[in-house]
Each structure stands twice: as C-alpha cells, then as structure tokens.
C-alpha cells in the first residue's frame, strides 16, 4: 500500500508541475504579446485596450498559480495530519 501511495503522489505532483509550467508559459507569452502591441496596433485606444486585457489575463493566471500552490501544499499537509 505505501508503494501505491507514493506512485499516486508522484503522479499528482507531476500533473501539478505540468499545469504550473503551462501557466508560467502563458504568463511569459502574454508579456511578450503586450510588448509587441506597440508595433502591431497603431490606434492608441485599441492598443491600450489590448494591453489592459493582456494585463488582466496575466494577473489572473499568476493569482491562480499562487493559490493552487498554496492549496496543494495545505491539502498535502492535511492528508498526513501535519496541520
């Protein structure tokens, strides 16, 4: 039984790390897109609208990544009755 729990824990950790890496990649992509908007969109109002949308999406993903890491850590600690 302990071997099964370790295997499940490794699988869960692998999936969490994969999701975290995808989220980080999204944040980097949003930052790069935001920088390119100055060269792509000429109209200042539209450019600012797109930049604001990029900022909102980026911050939402950063917030979610932080909350997930904290939530996962707490769930792990509760499962072993550490807390």
PDB file of N, CA and C in Angstrom:
ATOM      1  N   UNK A   1       0.805  -1.207   0.000  1.00  0.00           N
ATOM      2  CA  UNK A   1       0.000   0.000   0.000  1.00  0.00           C
ATOM      3  C   UNK A   1       0.851   1.275   0.000  1.00  0.00           C
ATOM      4  N   UNK A   2       1.942   1.337   0.785  1.00  0.00           N
ATOM      5  CA  UNK A   2       2.764   2.557   0.745  1.00  0.00           C
ATOM      6  C   UNK A   2       3.334   2.832  -0.648  1.00  0.00           C
ATOM      7  N   UNK A   3       3.672   1.780  -1.390  1.00  0.00           N
ATOM      8  CA  UNK A   3       4.190   1.967  -2.748  1.00  0.00           C
ATOM      9  C   UNK A   3       3.157   2.592  -3.662  1.00  0.00           C
ATOM     10  N   UNK A   4       1.904   2.182  -3.503  1.00  0.00           N
ATOM     11  CA  UNK A   4       0.826   2.741  -4.301  1.00  0.00           C
ATOM     12  C   UNK A   4       0.627   4.219  -3.980  1.00  0.00           C
ATOM     13  N   UNK A   5       0.685   4.553  -2.701  1.00  0.00           N
ATOM     14  CA  UNK A   5       0.530   5.963  -2.304  1.00  0.00           C
ATOM     15  C   UNK A   5       1.662   6.818  -2.860  1.00  0.00           C
ATOM     16  N   UNK A   6       2.868   6.290  -2.840  1.00  0.00           N
ATOM     17  CA  UNK A   6       3.996   7.044  -3.389  1.00  0.00           C
ATOM     18  C   UNK A   6       3.831   7.248  -4.895  1.00  0.00           C
ATOM     19  N   UNK A   7       3.362   6.211  -5.585  1.00  0.00           N
ATOM     20  CA  UNK A   7       3.148   6.318  -7.028  1.00  0.00           C
ATOM     21  C   UNK A   7       2.072   7.352  -7.345  1.00  0.00           C
ATOM     22  N   UNK A   8       0.993   7.328  -6.577  1.00  0.00           N
ATOM     23  CA  UNK A   8      -0.085   8.303  -6.778  1.00  0.00           C
ATOM     24  C   UNK A   8       0.417   9.711  -6.479  1.00  0.00           C
ATOM     25  N   UNK A   9       1.183   9.866  -5.395  1.00  0.00           N
ATOM     26  CA  UNK A   9       1.737  11.182  -5.063  1.00  0.00           C
ATOM     27  C   UNK A   9       2.648  11.706  -6.166  1.00  0.00           C
ATOM     28  N   UNK A  10       3.485  10.817  -6.724  1.00  0.00           N
ATOM     29  CA  UNK A  10       4.369  11.236  -7.815  1.00  0.00           C
ATOM     30  C   UNK A  10       3.565  11.671  -9.036  1.00  0.00           C
ATOM     31  N   UNK A  11       2.510  10.930  -9.329  1.00  0.00           N
ATOM     32  CA  UNK A  11       1.662  11.264 -10.493  1.00  0.00           C
ATOM     33  C   UNK A  11       0.968  12.608 -10.288  1.00  0.00           C
ATOM     34  N   UNK A  12       0.437  12.823  -9.096  1.00  0.00           N
ATOM     35  CA  UNK A  12      -0.232  14.097  -8.792  1.00  0.00           C
ATOM     36  C   UNK A  12       0.762  15.239  -8.870  1.00  0.00           C
ATOM     37  N   UNK A  13       1.936  15.053  -8.283  1.00  0.00           N
ATOM     38  CA  UNK A  13       2.952  16.102  -8.313  1.00  0.00           C
ATOM     39  C   UNK A  13       3.373  16.407  -9.747  1.00  0.00           C
ATOM     40  N   UNK A  14       3.486  15.381 -10.563  1.00  0.00           N
ATOM     41  CA  UNK A  14       3.851  15.567 -11.962  1.00  0.00           C
ATOM     42  C   UNK A  14       2.797  16.393 -12.694  1.00  0.00           C
ATOM     43  N   UNK A  15       1.530  16.088 -12.474  1.00  0.00           N
ATOM     44  CA  UNK A  15       0.450  16.827 -13.122  1.00  0.00           C
ATOM     45  C   UNK A  15       0.393  18.277 -12.638  1.00  0.00           C
ATOM     46  N   UNK A  16       0.609  18.482 -11.348  1.00  0.00           N
ATOM     47  CA  UNK A  16       0.608  19.848 -10.798  1.00  0.00           C
ATOM     48  C   UNK A  16       1.757  20.647 -11.393  1.00  0.00           C
ATOM     49  N   UNK A  17       2.932  20.044 -11.453  1.00  0.00           N
ATOM     50  CA  UNK A  17       4.086  20.739 -12.032  1.00  0.00           C
ATOM     51  C   UNK A  17       3.863  21.059 -13.506  1.00  0.00           C
ATOM     52  N   UNK A  18       3.239  20.141 -14.240  1.00  0.00           N
ATOM     53  CA  UNK A  18       2.943  20.388 -15.647  1.00  0.00           C
ATOM     54  C   UNK A  18       2.004  21.580 -15.791  1.00  0.00           C
ATOM     55  N   UNK A  19       0.937  21.613 -14.986  1.00  0.00           N
ATOM     56  CA  UNK A  19       0.000  22.734 -15.030  1.00  0.00           C
ATOM     57  C   UNK A  19       0.665  24.044 -14.667  1.00  0.00           C
ATOM     58  N   UNK A  20       1.549  23.998 -13.687  1.00  0.00           N
ATOM     59  CA  UNK A  20       2.271  25.197 -13.288  1.00  0.00           C
ATOM     60  C   UNK A  20       3.165  25.693 -14.425  1.00  0.00           C
ATOM     61  N   UNK A  21       3.847  24.769 -15.097  1.00  0.00           N
ATOM     62  CA  UNK A  21       4.708  25.152 -16.224  1.00  0.00           C
ATOM     63  C   UNK A  21       3.898  25.746 -17.371  1.00  0.00           C
ATOM     64  N   UNK A  22       2.737  25.178 -17.646  1.00  0.00           N
ATOM     65  CA  UNK A  22       1.864  25.727 -18.689  1.00  0.00           C
ATOM     66  C   UNK A  22       1.430  27.142 -18.315  1.00  0.00           C
ATOM     67  N   UNK A  23       1.054  27.335 -17.062  1.00  0.00           N
ATOM     68  CA  UNK A  23       0.651  28.665 -16.599  1.00  0.00           C
ATOM     69  C   UNK A  23       1.777  29.670 -16.709  1.00  0.00           C
ATOM     70  N   UNK A  24       2.980  29.268 -16.328  1.00  0.00           N
ATOM     71  CA  UNK A  24       4.129  30.171 -16.438  1.00  0.00           C
ATOM     72  C   UNK A  24       4.407  30.518 -17.895  1.00  0.00           C
ATOM     73  N   UNK A  25       4.272  29.529 -18.773  1.00  0.00           N
ATOM     74  CA  UNK A  25       4.460  29.783 -20.203  1.00  0.00           C
ATOM     75  C   UNK A  25       3.436  30.771 -20.736  1.00  0.00           C
ATOM     76  N   UNK A  26       2.195  30.649 -20.257  1.00  0.00           N
ATOM     77  CA  UNK A  26       1.145  31.581 -20.662  1.00  0.00           C
ATOM     78  C   UNK A  26       1.497  33.002 -20.222  1.00  0.00           C
ATOM     79  N   UNK A  27       1.979  33.146 -18.994  1.00  0.00           N
ATOM     80  CA  UNK A  27       2.338  34.467 -18.471  1.00  0.00           C
ATOM     81  C   UNK A  27       3.459  35.081 -19.307  1.00  0.00           C
ATOM     82  N   UNK A  28       4.464  34.302 -19.640  1.00  0.00           N
ATOM     83  CA  UNK A  28       5.565  34.811 -20.458  1.00  0.00           C
ATOM     84  C   UNK A  28       5.052  35.213 -21.844  1.00  0.00           C
ATOM     85  N   UNK A  29       4.184  34.397 -22.418  1.00  0.00           N
ATOM     86  CA  UNK A  29       3.606  34.712 -23.727  1.00  0.00           C
ATOM     87  C   UNK A  29       2.795  35.996 -23.703  1.00  0.00           C
ATOM     88  N   UNK A  30       2.013  36.190 -22.646  1.00  0.00           N
ATOM     89  CA  UNK A  30       1.225  37.423 -22.519  1.00  0.00           C
ATOM     90  C   UNK A  30       2.138  38.645 -22.410  1.00  0.00           C
ATOM     91  N   UNK A  31       3.231  38.512 -21.680  1.00  0.00           N
ATOM     92  CA  UNK A  31       4.165  39.634 -21.551  1.00  0.00           C
ATOM     93  C   UNK A  31       4.798  39.975 -22.900  1.00  0.00           C
ATOM     94  N   UNK A  32       5.159  38.948 -23.644  1.00  0.00           N
ATOM     95  CA  UNK A  32       5.749  39.189 -24.965  1.00  0.00           C
ATOM     96  C   UNK A  32       4.737  39.812 -25.924  1.00  0.00           C
ATOM     97  N   UNK A  33       3.507  39.324 -25.898  1.00  0.00           N
ATOM     98  CA  UNK A  33       2.457  39.897 -26.752  1.00  0.00           C
ATOM     99  C   UNK A  33       2.214  41.353 -26.402  1.00  0.00           C
ATOM    100  N   UNK A  34       2.202  41.645 -25.115  1.00  0.00           N
ATOM    101  CA  UNK A  34       1.963  43.021 -24.676  1.00  0.00           C
ATOM    102  C   UNK A  34       3.049  43.952 -25.226  1.00  0.00           C
ATOM    103  N   UNK A  35       4.290  43.493 -25.205  1.00  0.00           N
ATOM    104  CA  UNK A  35       5.388  44.309 -25.719  1.00  0.00           C
ATOM    105  C   UNK A  35       5.284  44.518 -27.227  1.00  0.00           C
ATOM    106  N   UNK A  36       4.770  43.525 -27.937  1.00  0.00           N
ATOM    107  CA  UNK A  36       4.663  43.632 -29.395  1.00  0.00           C
ATOM    108  C   UNK A  36       3.493  44.496 -29.851  1.00  0.00           C
ATOM    109  N   UNK A  37       2.554  44.757 -28.964  1.00  0.00           N
ATOM    110  CA  UNK A  37       1.374  45.532 -29.354  1.00  0.00           C
ATOM    111  C   UNK A  37       1.740  46.929 -29.859  1.00  0.00           C
ATOM    112  N   UNK A  38       2.815  47.501 -29.321  1.00  0.00           N
ATOM    113  CA  UNK A  38       3.228  48.828 -29.782  1.00  0.00           C
ATOM    114  C   UNK A  38       3.588  48.813 -31.272  1.00  0.00           C
ATOM    115  N   UNK A  39       4.061  47.683 -31.758  1.00  0.00           N
ATOM    116  CA  UNK A  39       4.474  47.565 -33.160  1.00  0.00           C
ATOM    117  C   UNK A  39       3.344  47.078 -34.062  1.00  0.00           C
ATOM    118  N   UNK A  40       2.308  46.503 -33.463  1.00  0.00           N
ATOM    119  CA  UNK A  40       1.241  45.899 -34.258  1.00  0.00           C
ATOM    120  C   UNK A  40       0.032  46.819 -34.385  1.00  0.00           C
ATOM    121  N   UNK A  41      -0.385  47.441 -33.283  1.00  0.00           N
ATOM    122  CA  UNK A  41      -1.619  48.233 -33.255  1.00  0.00           C
ATOM    123  C   UNK A  41      -1.259  49.715 -33.252  1.00  0.00           C
ATOM    124  N   UNK A  42      -1.756  50.425 -34.245  1.00  0.00           N
ATOM    125  CA  UNK A  42      -1.451  51.853 -34.361  1.00  0.00           C
ATOM    126  C   UNK A  42      -2.381  52.728 -33.532  1.00  0.00           C
ATOM    127  N   UNK A  43      -3.642  52.362 -33.443  1.00  0.00           N
ATOM    128  CA  UNK A  43      -4.619  53.183 -32.736  1.00  0.00           C
ATOM    129  C   UNK A  43      -4.358  53.098 -31.224  1.00  0.00           C
ATOM    130  N   UNK A  44      -4.081  54.256 -30.583  1.00  0.00           N
ATOM    131  CA  UNK A  44      -3.726  54.249 -29.156  1.00  0.00           C
ATOM    132  C   UNK A  44      -4.821  53.675 -28.253  1.00  0.00           C
ATOM    133  N   UNK A  45      -6.068  53.963 -28.562  1.00  0.00           N
ATOM    134  CA  UNK A  45      -7.160  53.455 -27.733  1.00  0.00           C
ATOM    135  C   UNK A  45      -7.270  51.941 -27.794  1.00  0.00           C
ATOM    136  N   UNK A  46      -7.168  51.401 -28.988  1.00  0.00           N
ATOM    137  CA  UNK A  46      -7.227  49.945 -29.149  1.00  0.00           C
ATOM    138  C   UNK A  46      -5.999  49.275 -28.537  1.00  0.00           C
ATOM    139  N   UNK A  47      -4.839  49.916 -28.717  1.00  0.00           N
ATOM    140  CA  UNK A  47      -3.610  49.364 -28.154  1.00  0.00           C
ATOM    141  C   UNK A  47      -3.719  49.265 -26.629  1.00  0.00           C
ATOM    142  N   UNK A  48      -4.230  50.327 -26.007  1.00  0.00           N
ATOM    143  CA  UNK A  48      -4.400  50.312 -24.548  1.00  0.00           C
ATOM    144  C   UNK A  48      -5.431  49.274 -24.106  1.00  0.00           C
ATOM    145  N   UNK A  49      -6.481  49.116 -24.901  1.00  0.00           N
ATOM    146  CA  UNK A  49      -7.498  48.109 -24.584  1.00  0.00           C
ATOM    147  C   UNK A  49      -6.883  46.709 -24.600  1.00  0.00           C
ATOM    148  N   UNK A  50      -6.093  46.417 -25.621  1.00  0.00           N
ATOM    149  CA  UNK A  50      -5.439  45.109 -25.713  1.00  0.00           C
ATOM    150  C   UNK A  50      -4.414  44.915 -24.593  1.00  0.00           C
ATOM    151  N   UNK A  51      -3.679  45.978 -24.270  1.00  0.00           N
ATOM    152  CA  UNK A  51      -2.700  45.882 -23.182  1.00  0.00           C
ATOM    153  C   UNK A  51      -3.392  45.611 -21.845  1.00  0.00           C
ATOM    154  N   UNK A  52      -4.506  46.291 -21.617  1.00  0.00           N
ATOM    155  CA  UNK A  52      -5.250  46.060 -20.379  1.00  0.00           C
ATOM    156  C   UNK A  52      -5.767  44.626 -20.308  1.00  0.00           C
ATOM    157  N   UNK A  53      -6.237  44.106 -21.434  1.00  0.00           N
ATOM    158  CA  UNK A  53      -6.715  42.721 -21.466  1.00  0.00           C
ATOM    159  C   UNK A  53      -5.571  41.747 -21.178  1.00  0.00           C
ATOM    160  N   UNK A  54      -4.404  42.006 -21.766  1.00  0.00           N
ATOM    161  CA  UNK A  54      -3.229  41.161 -21.500  1.00  0.00           C
ATOM    162  C   UNK A  54      -2.862  41.208 -20.018  1.00  0.00           C
ATOM    163  N   UNK A  55      -2.897  42.411 -19.438  1.00  0.00           N
ATOM    164  CA  UNK A  55      -2.562  42.550 -18.020  1.00  0.00           C
ATOM    165  C   UNK A  55      -3.542  41.786 -17.134  1.00  0.00           C
ATOM    166  N   UNK A  56      -4.840  41.894 -17.443  1.00  0.00           N
ATOM    167  CA  UNK A  56      -5.849  41.201 -16.638  1.00  0.00           C
ATOM    168  C   UNK A  56      -5.681  39.691 -16.717  1.00  0.00           C
ATOM    169  N   UNK A  57      -5.463  39.176 -17.915  1.00  0.00           N
ATOM    170  CA  UNK A  57      -5.286  37.731 -18.091  1.00  0.00           C
ATOM    171  C   UNK A  57      -4.029  37.252 -17.373  1.00  0.00           C
ATOM    172  N   UNK A  58      -2.951  38.003 -17.528  1.00  0.00           N
ATOM    173  CA  UNK A  58      -1.683  37.629 -16.911  1.00  0.00           C
ATOM    174  C   UNK A  58      -1.804  37.604 -15.399  1.00  0.00           C
ATOM    175  N   UNK A  59      -2.410  38.632 -14.825  1.00  0.00           N
ATOM    176  CA  UNK A  59      -2.565  38.700 -13.374  1.00  0.00           C
ATOM    177  C   UNK A  59      -3.507  37.618 -12.852  1.00  0.00           C
ATOM    178  N   UNK A  60      -4.546  37.297 -13.613  1.00  0.00           N
ATOM    179  CA  UNK A  60      -5.468  36.236 -13.197  1.00  0.00           C
ATOM    180  C   UNK A  60      -4.747  34.892 -13.141  1.00  0.00           C
ATOM    181  N   UNK A  61      -3.896  34.632 -14.125  1.00  0.00           N
ATOM    182  CA  UNK A  61      -3.161  33.360 -14.133  1.00  0.00           C
ATOM    183  C   UNK A  61      -2.132  33.335 -13.011  1.00  0.00           C
ATOM    184  N   UNK A  62      -1.442  34.432 -12.780  1.00  0.00           N
ATOM    185  CA  UNK A  62      -0.473  34.496 -11.683  1.00  0.00           C
ATOM    186  C   UNK A  62      -1.170  34.246 -10.348  1.00  0.00           C
ATOM    187  N   UNK A  63      -2.316  34.856 -10.163  1.00  0.00           N
ATOM    188  CA  UNK A  63      -3.071  34.664  -8.920  1.00  0.00           C
ATOM    189  C   UNK A  63      -3.481  33.207  -8.768  1.00  0.00           C
ATOM    190  N   UNK A  64      -3.984  32.614  -9.835  1.00  0.00           N
ATOM    191  CA  UNK A  64      -4.412  31.212  -9.795  1.00  0.00           C
ATOM    192  C   UNK A  64      -3.237  30.284  -9.502  1.00  0.00           C
ATOM    193  N   UNK A  65      -2.092  30.549 -10.114  1.00  0.00           N
ATOM    194  CA  UNK A  65      -0.911  29.719  -9.858  1.00  0.00           C
ATOM    195  C   UNK A  65      -0.501  29.789  -8.397  1.00  0.00           C
ATOM    196  N   UNK A  66      -0.528  30.976  -7.826  1.00  0.00           N
ATOM    197  CA  UNK A  66      -0.168  31.127  -6.418  1.00  0.00           C
ATOM    198  C   UNK A  66      -1.155  30.430  -5.504  1.00  0.00           C
ATOM    199  N   UNK A  67      -2.442  30.586  -5.778  1.00  0.00           N
ATOM    200  CA  UNK A  67      -3.467  29.951  -4.942  1.00  0.00           C
ATOM    201  C   UNK A  67      -3.390  28.433  -5.046  1.00  0.00           C
ATOM    202  N   UNK A  68      -3.111  27.919  -6.237  1.00  0.00           N
ATOM    203  CA  UNK A  68      -3.032  26.469  -6.415  1.00  0.00           C
ATOM    204  C   UNK A  68      -1.860  25.884  -5.654  1.00  0.00           C
ATOM    205  N   UNK A  69      -0.734  26.555  -5.681  1.00  0.00           N
ATOM    206  CA  UNK A  69       0.441  26.056  -4.962  1.00  0.00           C
ATOM    207  C   UNK A  69       0.153  26.011  -3.460  1.00  0.00           C
ATOM    208  N   UNK A  70      -0.471  27.058  -2.942  1.00  0.00           N
ATOM    209  CA  UNK A  70      -0.791  27.098  -1.513  1.00  0.00           C
ATOM    210  C   UNK A  70      -1.825  26.034  -1.182  1.00  0.00           C
ATOM    211  N   UNK A  71      -2.865  25.929  -1.994  1.00  0.00           N
ATOM    212  CA  UNK A  71      -3.924  24.951  -1.763  1.00  0.00           C
ATOM    213  C   UNK A  71      -3.372  23.529  -1.807  1.00  0.00           C
ATOM    214  N   UNK A  72      -2.523  23.251  -2.776  1.00  0.00           N
ATOM    215  CA  UNK A  72      -1.945  21.916  -2.906  1.00  0.00           C
ATOM    216  C   UNK A  72      -1.072  21.587  -1.708  1.00  0.00           C
ATOM    217  N   UNK A  73      -0.283  22.537  -1.272  1.00  0.00           N
ATOM    218  CA  UNK A  73       0.586  22.300  -0.118  1.00  0.00           C
ATOM    219  C   UNK A  73      -0.246  22.025   1.135  1.00  0.00           C
ATOM    220  N   UNK A  74      -1.309  22.801   1.336  1.00  0.00           N
ATOM    221  CA  UNK A  74      -2.159  22.594   2.513  1.00  0.00           C
ATOM    222  C   UNK A  74      -2.874  21.251   2.455  1.00  0.00           C
ATOM    223  N   UNK A  75      -3.361  20.875   1.276  1.00  0.00           N
ATOM    224  CA  UNK A  75      -4.021  19.575   1.118  1.00  0.00           C
ATOM    225  C   UNK A  75      -3.054  18.445   1.437  1.00  0.00           C
ATOM    226  N   UNK A  76      -1.842  18.582   0.955  1.00  0.00           N
ATOM    227  CA  UNK A  76      -0.824  17.563   1.227  1.00  0.00           C
ATOM    228  C   UNK A  76      -0.556  17.463   2.730  1.00  0.00           C
ATOM    229  N   UNK A  77      -0.408  18.600   3.387  1.00  0.00           N
ATOM    230  CA  UNK A  77      -0.119  18.581   4.821  1.00  0.00           C
ATOM    231  C   UNK A  77      -1.306  18.032   5.627  1.00  0.00           C
ATOM    232  N   UNK A  78      -2.526  18.390   5.235  1.00  0.00           N
ATOM    233  CA  UNK A  78      -3.711  17.857   5.919  1.00  0.00           C
ATOM    234  C   UNK A  78      -3.816  16.352   5.754  1.00  0.00           C
ATOM    235  N   UNK A  79      -3.443  15.846   4.592  1.00  0.00           N
ATOM    236  CA  UNK A  79      -3.574  14.408   4.344  1.00  0.00           C
ATOM    237  C   UNK A  79      -2.653  13.595   5.255  1.00  0.00           C
ATOM    238  N   UNK A  80      -1.577  14.194   5.705  1.00  0.00           N
ATOM    239  CA  UNK A  80      -0.679  13.498   6.613  1.00  0.00           C
ATOM    240  C   UNK A  80      -0.830  13.972   8.050  1.00  0.00           C
ATOM    241  N   UNK A  81      -1.894  14.716   8.304  1.00  0.00           N
ATOM    242  CA  UNK A  81      -2.228  15.215   9.648  1.00  0.00           C
ATOM    243  C   UNK A  81      -1.070  16.000  10.268  1.00  0.00           C
ATOM    244  N   UNK A  82      -0.347  16.748   9.431  1.00  0.00           N
ATOM    245  CA  UNK A  82       0.733  17.586   9.920  1.00  0.00           C
ATOM    246  C   UNK A  82       0.173  18.855  10.527  1.00  0.00           C
ATOM    247  N   UNK A  83      -0.913  19.343   9.931  1.00  0.00           N
ATOM    248  CA  UNK A  83      -1.533  20.580  10.423  1.00  0.00           C
ATOM    249  C   UNK A  83      -2.733  20.206  11.273  1.00  0.00           C
TER     250      UNK A  83
END
